[in-house]
C-alpha cells in the first residue's frame, strides 16, 4: 500500500465553505468513480488553523493505493476523463496544487468502498 498527498489552494474568488462542500460531496466522488478499484482510501483535509508560517494553501488530499503501478494507471485514466465543466479530472486535480507549510486540518473521509459498490 502506498500513500500520496496533494496540497491545493482555494480557487480565486471562491467561498471556502462552498468549495469545501463541492470538494467533499462532488469532486471527490468523480475521482473515486474514475479510479476504479485502484484507490483504497481518499481523505480530504481543510486547513482550519495555521500553526506555523503563512497560510499558502487551502487544504490537502491523502490517497492510498494498492501499488505505485495502480496509482500511475489511474492517473493516466484521469487525462481522458471529461467533467461537466469542460476540464479533465487531471486538470481539475493539478490546477489546485500549492506549496506546503505546517498546519492543522479538518479531515473528511470519503467512503470509497460504498461509492465503488454503487457504481457496479
Foldseek 3Di string as FASTA:
>chain_A
DDKDKFFFADPPPDDLVVVVCCVQPPLVLLLLQLLAPQWDWKKWKAFDWAPDDDDWHGTMMMTDGPDPVSVVVSLVSQCPDADPVGHGNNCVRVVGGTDDDDGDIDMDIHPSVVSNVVVD
